[in-house]
Amino acid sequence: MQAQHVVVLLAAGFGAGAVNAAAGGGSLISFPALIATGLPPKIANVTNSVAVCPGYLASVAGSWRDVGDERRTLLRLLPTIALGTATGCALLLVTSAEAFERVVPFLVLAAAAVLAFQDRLKAVVGHPHQMSTRKRAVALHGLVGLGCVYGGYFGAALGVMLVAVLGLLVDGSLRQITAMKNVVSAAEGLVTIAYFAVFADVQWSAVALLAPATIAGGYAGARIARRIPQRILRAGIVAYAVVIAGILFVRAF
């Protein structure tokens, strides 16, 4: 790996970790950086999915107490998370490199759109629908499972989607919802690592650079987030993602 690629990945990992802590959507930084080092989009996506998992685990360590009385709910969700994630990973691996290269600009745009409308998605947090316990459980498993299919396949902005889903169906505070999101993301990340480590082509040298950088960035981002307005930060990420999607679109078509 060339020296400039090392610098790019370290900077991107730090930036992705900081952005995830502050606003979400850090993969929209680290994924294009991997492509910039010369990796094909499909391998870059697999590598990025593995590299960001340590950051999720760090988030769980810092927010586990906030999960509170929803720990049993999360335990019941684990099989759904594993099945959904494995399904998404399998779909990715059976997608040809050419097909993935064509679809990835649209995935980046979709992730950017979710991030752009993050506030509207979060507006439902704390106001779960009035459902029976059974219907709520079925809806929770279904929506979290679909989210994990997306996470296993691509994953950018998954955290924002999970906050929206959990906020709709769990009667808890934003802090509790965020803590639950961290657990789901970490479990999804662990399944992704296990699946891709066995069945996919992971660029482990890039993971070795990105993973610790995302942890450092996450710690710094939690502090920086208090000083930078999230709306400004989010707008910058969305604009960056749109530019990247345009470049990927030109490359693919």
Protein backbone atom coordinates (compact mmCIF):
# COMPACT_ATOMS: atom_id res chain seq x y z
CA MET A 1 0.00 0.00 0.00
CA GLN A 2 1.36 3.39 -1.00
CA ALA A 3 2.14 6.03 1.61
CA GLN A 4 -0.54 8.41 0.35
CA HIS A 5 -3.13 5.65 0.62
CA VAL A 6 -2.17 5.12 4.25
CA VAL A 7 -2.70 8.82 4.95
CA VAL A 8 -6.04 8.82 3.12
CA LEU A 9 -7.36 5.83 5.04
CA LEU A 10 -6.21 7.10 8.43
CA ALA A 11 -7.83 10.47 7.79
CA ALA A 12 -11.00 8.87 6.41
CA GLY A 13 -11.25 6.46 9.34
CA PHE A 14 -10.87 9.27 11.84
CA GLY A 15 -13.41 11.38 9.94
CA ALA A 16 -15.89 8.51 9.65
CA GLY A 17 -15.67 7.76 13.37
CA ALA A 18 -16.15 11.42 14.26
CA VAL A 19 -19.10 11.81 11.90
CA ASN A 20 -20.78 8.66 13.21
CA ALA A 21 -20.51 10.04 16.72
CA ALA A 22 -21.77 13.47 15.73
CA ALA A 23 -24.41 12.89 13.07
CA GLY A 24 -24.24 9.40 11.56
CA GLY A 25 -23.30 8.47 8.00
CA GLY A 26 -19.56 7.99 8.49
CA SER A 27 -19.43 5.24 5.86
CA LEU A 28 -20.12 7.91 3.27
CA ILE A 29 -16.55 9.05 4.02
CA SER A 30 -14.69 5.79 4.55
CA PHE A 31 -16.26 3.89 1.63
CA PRO A 32 -15.24 6.44 -1.06
CA ALA A 33 -11.79 6.65 0.52
CA LEU A 34 -11.32 2.91 0.00
CA ILE A 35 -12.32 3.33 -3.64
CA ALA A 36 -9.83 6.19 -3.93
CA THR A 37 -7.04 3.80 -2.92
CA GLY A 38 -7.85 1.68 -5.96
CA LEU A 39 -10.20 -0.95 -4.54
CA PRO A 40 -13.17 -2.01 -6.70
CA PRO A 41 -16.51 -0.86 -5.21
CA LYS A 42 -17.61 -4.33 -4.11
CA ILE A 43 -14.35 -5.11 -2.27
CA ALA A 44 -14.33 -1.57 -0.85
CA ASN A 45 -17.85 -2.13 0.52
CA VAL A 46 -16.91 -5.45 2.13
CA THR A 47 -13.76 -3.97 3.65
CA ASN A 48 -15.60 -0.92 4.94
CA SER A 49 -18.30 -3.06 6.57
CA VAL A 50 -15.63 -4.96 8.50
CA ALA A 51 -13.61 -1.88 9.42
CA VAL A 52 -16.41 0.15 11.02
CA CYS A 53 -17.49 -2.59 13.46
CA PRO A 54 -14.97 -1.72 16.23
CA GLY A 55 -16.48 1.74 16.37
CA TYR A 56 -19.91 0.22 17.00
CA LEU A 57 -18.50 -1.93 19.80
CA ALA A 58 -16.95 1.15 21.39
CA SER A 59 -20.34 2.86 21.22
CA VAL A 60 -21.98 -0.07 23.01
CA ALA A 61 -19.36 0.10 25.77
CA GLY A 62 -20.17 3.73 26.32
CA SER A 63 -23.96 3.47 26.21
CA TRP A 64 -24.84 0.01 27.57
CA ARG A 65 -26.28 1.39 30.82
CA ASP A 66 -28.74 3.48 28.82
CA VAL A 67 -30.37 0.35 27.34
CA GLY A 68 -32.12 -0.14 30.66
CA ASP A 69 -35.13 -2.45 30.67
CA GLU A 70 -34.96 -3.17 26.94
CA ARG A 71 -32.12 -5.68 27.24
CA ARG A 72 -34.51 -8.61 26.88
CA THR A 73 -35.93 -7.03 23.72
CA LEU A 74 -32.44 -6.86 22.26
CA LEU A 75 -31.69 -10.46 23.22
CA ARG A 76 -34.86 -11.58 21.43
CA LEU A 77 -33.80 -9.56 18.37
CA LEU A 78 -30.41 -11.27 18.03
CA PRO A 79 -31.61 -14.15 15.78
CA THR A 80 -33.44 -11.64 13.56
CA ILE A 81 -30.33 -9.44 13.36
CA ALA A 82 -28.14 -12.41 12.48
CA LEU A 83 -30.54 -13.74 9.83
CA GLY A 84 -31.13 -10.32 8.24
CA THR A 85 -27.45 -9.45 8.15
CA ALA A 86 -26.42 -12.83 6.73
CA THR A 87 -29.08 -12.46 4.04
CA GLY A 88 -27.75 -9.05 3.06
CA CYS A 89 -24.17 -10.33 2.99
CA ALA A 90 -25.19 -13.28 0.83
CA LEU A 91 -27.04 -11.00 -1.58
CA LEU A 92 -23.94 -8.84 -1.89
CA LEU A 93 -21.68 -11.79 -2.65
CA VAL A 94 -23.97 -13.17 -5.36
CA THR A 95 -24.19 -9.74 -6.99
CA SER A 96 -21.63 -9.45 -9.77
CA ALA A 97 -18.96 -6.77 -9.43
CA GLU A 98 -20.33 -5.04 -12.54
CA ALA A 99 -23.90 -5.01 -11.21
CA PHE A 100 -22.79 -3.72 -7.82
CA GLU A 101 -20.75 -0.97 -9.45
CA ARG A 102 -23.89 0.13 -11.26
CA VAL A 103 -26.15 0.04 -8.22
CA VAL A 104 -23.76 1.61 -5.71
CA PRO A 105 -24.25 5.25 -6.85
CA PHE A 106 -27.96 4.87 -6.13
CA LEU A 107 -27.22 3.30 -2.74
CA VAL A 108 -24.95 6.23 -1.87
CA LEU A 109 -27.68 8.67 -2.91
CA ALA A 110 -30.26 6.76 -0.87
CA ALA A 111 -28.00 6.84 2.18
CA ALA A 112 -27.43 10.56 1.65
CA ALA A 113 -31.20 11.12 1.44
CA VAL A 114 -31.77 9.28 4.71
CA LEU A 115 -29.08 11.39 6.34
CA ALA A 116 -30.50 14.59 4.87
CA PHE A 117 -33.93 13.87 6.36
CA GLN A 118 -32.55 12.55 9.64
CA ASP A 119 -34.41 15.12 11.73
CA ARG A 120 -37.75 14.17 10.18
CA LEU A 121 -37.06 10.49 10.81
CA LYS A 122 -36.14 11.24 14.40
CA ALA A 123 -39.32 13.28 14.88
CA VAL A 124 -41.18 10.05 15.57
CA VAL A 125 -38.86 9.04 18.41
CA GLY A 126 -40.69 8.82 21.70
CA HIS A 127 -44.11 8.41 20.08
CA PRO A 128 -44.55 4.68 19.35
CA HIS A 129 -47.72 3.55 17.63
CA GLN A 130 -50.46 2.17 19.83
CA MET A 131 -50.15 -1.54 19.10
CA SER A 132 -50.70 -4.73 20.98
CA THR A 133 -47.56 -6.33 22.42
CA ARG A 134 -47.69 -9.08 19.79
CA LYS A 135 -48.11 -6.72 16.82
CA ARG A 136 -45.36 -4.48 18.08
CA ALA A 137 -42.99 -7.43 18.45
CA VAL A 138 -43.76 -8.65 14.93
CA ALA A 139 -43.27 -5.16 13.48
CA LEU A 140 -40.03 -4.69 15.42
CA HIS A 141 -38.54 -7.96 14.19
CA GLY A 142 -39.69 -7.31 10.64
CA LEU A 143 -38.35 -3.77 10.34
CA VAL A 144 -35.09 -4.43 12.18
CA GLY A 145 -34.60 -7.54 10.05
CA LEU A 146 -35.08 -5.54 6.83
CA GLY A 147 -32.70 -2.90 8.13
CA CYS A 148 -30.07 -5.55 8.77
CA VAL A 149 -30.53 -6.95 5.25
CA TYR A 150 -29.66 -3.46 4.00
CA GLY A 151 -26.79 -3.28 6.50
CA GLY A 152 -25.32 -6.57 5.35
CA TYR A 153 -25.56 -5.47 1.72
CA PHE A 154 -24.33 -1.89 1.99
CA GLY A 155 -24.82 -0.31 5.42
CA ALA A 156 -24.28 3.44 5.03
CA ALA A 157 -26.78 5.41 7.17
CA LEU A 158 -28.05 2.18 8.77
CA GLY A 159 -27.86 3.81 12.20
CA VAL A 160 -30.24 6.59 11.17
CA MET A 161 -32.73 4.03 9.86
CA LEU A 162 -32.51 2.00 13.07
CA VAL A 163 -33.17 5.05 15.25
CA ALA A 164 -36.31 5.75 13.22
CA VAL A 165 -37.53 2.14 13.41
CA LEU A 166 -36.81 1.70 17.13
CA GLY A 167 -38.34 5.08 17.89
CA LEU A 168 -41.57 4.03 16.22
CA LEU A 169 -41.91 0.80 18.17
CA VAL A 170 -40.10 1.22 21.49
CA ASP A 171 -41.51 3.45 24.21
CA GLY A 172 -38.23 4.96 25.39
CA SER A 173 -36.16 8.13 25.50
CA LEU A 174 -33.86 9.19 22.66
CA ARG A 175 -30.89 8.18 24.80
CA GLN A 176 -32.32 4.69 25.25
CA ILE A 177 -33.21 4.40 21.56
CA THR A 178 -29.68 5.42 20.58
CA ALA A 179 -28.17 2.90 22.99
CA MET A 180 -30.35 0.14 21.50
CA LYS A 181 -29.31 1.23 18.01
CA ASN A 182 -25.67 0.88 19.03
CA VAL A 183 -26.26 -2.70 20.19
CA VAL A 184 -28.10 -3.66 16.99
CA SER A 185 -25.36 -2.05 14.86
CA ALA A 186 -22.63 -3.86 16.80
CA ALA A 187 -24.38 -7.23 16.48
CA GLU A 188 -24.91 -6.61 12.77
CA GLY A 189 -21.23 -5.69 12.44
CA LEU A 190 -20.04 -8.85 14.18
CA VAL A 191 -22.14 -11.04 11.88
CA THR A 192 -20.78 -9.11 8.90
CA ILE A 193 -17.19 -9.69 10.02
CA ALA A 194 -17.78 -13.41 10.53
CA TYR A 195 -19.51 -13.82 7.17
CA PHE A 196 -17.11 -11.78 5.08
CA ALA A 197 -14.02 -13.18 6.81
CA VAL A 198 -15.02 -16.64 5.60
CA PHE A 199 -16.68 -15.97 2.25
CA ALA A 200 -15.48 -12.60 0.92
CA ASP A 201 -12.33 -10.86 -0.25
CA VAL A 202 -11.49 -8.44 2.57
CA GLN A 203 -8.58 -6.01 2.26
CA TRP A 204 -7.26 -6.62 5.77
CA SER A 205 -4.42 -4.11 5.49
CA ALA A 206 -7.01 -1.37 4.94
CA VAL A 207 -9.07 -2.66 7.88
CA ALA A 208 -5.97 -2.46 10.09
CA LEU A 209 -5.70 1.24 9.27
CA LEU A 210 -9.38 2.19 9.30
CA ALA A 211 -10.58 0.35 12.39
CA PRO A 212 -8.38 2.03 15.04
CA ALA A 213 -8.82 5.38 13.28
CA THR A 214 -12.63 5.09 13.55
CA ILE A 215 -12.32 4.42 17.29
CA ALA A 216 -10.12 7.49 17.79
CA GLY A 217 -12.42 9.55 15.59
CA GLY A 218 -15.48 8.40 17.51
CA TYR A 219 -13.98 9.53 20.79
CA ALA A 220 -13.01 12.90 19.36
CA GLY A 221 -16.28 13.25 17.50
CA ALA A 222 -18.29 12.85 20.68
CA ARG A 223 -16.53 15.95 22.00
CA ILE A 224 -16.49 17.92 18.76
CA ALA A 225 -20.20 17.28 18.24
CA ARG A 226 -20.96 19.66 21.08
CA ARG A 227 -19.31 22.56 19.23
CA ILE A 228 -20.29 22.07 15.57
CA PRO A 229 -23.98 22.43 14.67
CA GLN A 230 -25.14 19.02 13.45
CA ARG A 231 -27.20 20.61 10.68
CA ILE A 232 -24.08 22.15 9.14
CA LEU A 233 -22.07 18.96 9.53
CA ARG A 234 -24.84 16.84 8.05
CA ALA A 235 -25.29 19.20 5.09
CA GLY A 236 -21.59 18.93 4.30
CA ILE A 237 -21.69 15.14 4.38
CA VAL A 238 -24.77 15.00 2.16
CA ALA A 239 -23.18 17.35 -0.39
CA TYR A 240 -20.00 15.26 -0.33
CA ALA A 241 -22.02 12.06 -0.84
CA VAL A 242 -23.88 13.54 -3.82
CA VAL A 243 -20.57 14.44 -5.47
CA ILE A 244 -19.19 10.96 -4.80
CA ALA A 245 -22.35 9.36 -6.19
CA GLY A 246 -21.94 11.44 -9.35
CA ILE A 247 -18.34 10.30 -9.77
CA LEU A 248 -19.33 6.66 -9.20
CA PHE A 249 -22.19 7.02 -11.66
CA VAL A 250 -19.83 8.30 -14.36
CA ARG A 251 -17.42 5.45 -13.67
CA ALA A 252 -20.17 2.82 -13.79
CA PHE A 253 -22.00 4.07 -16.86
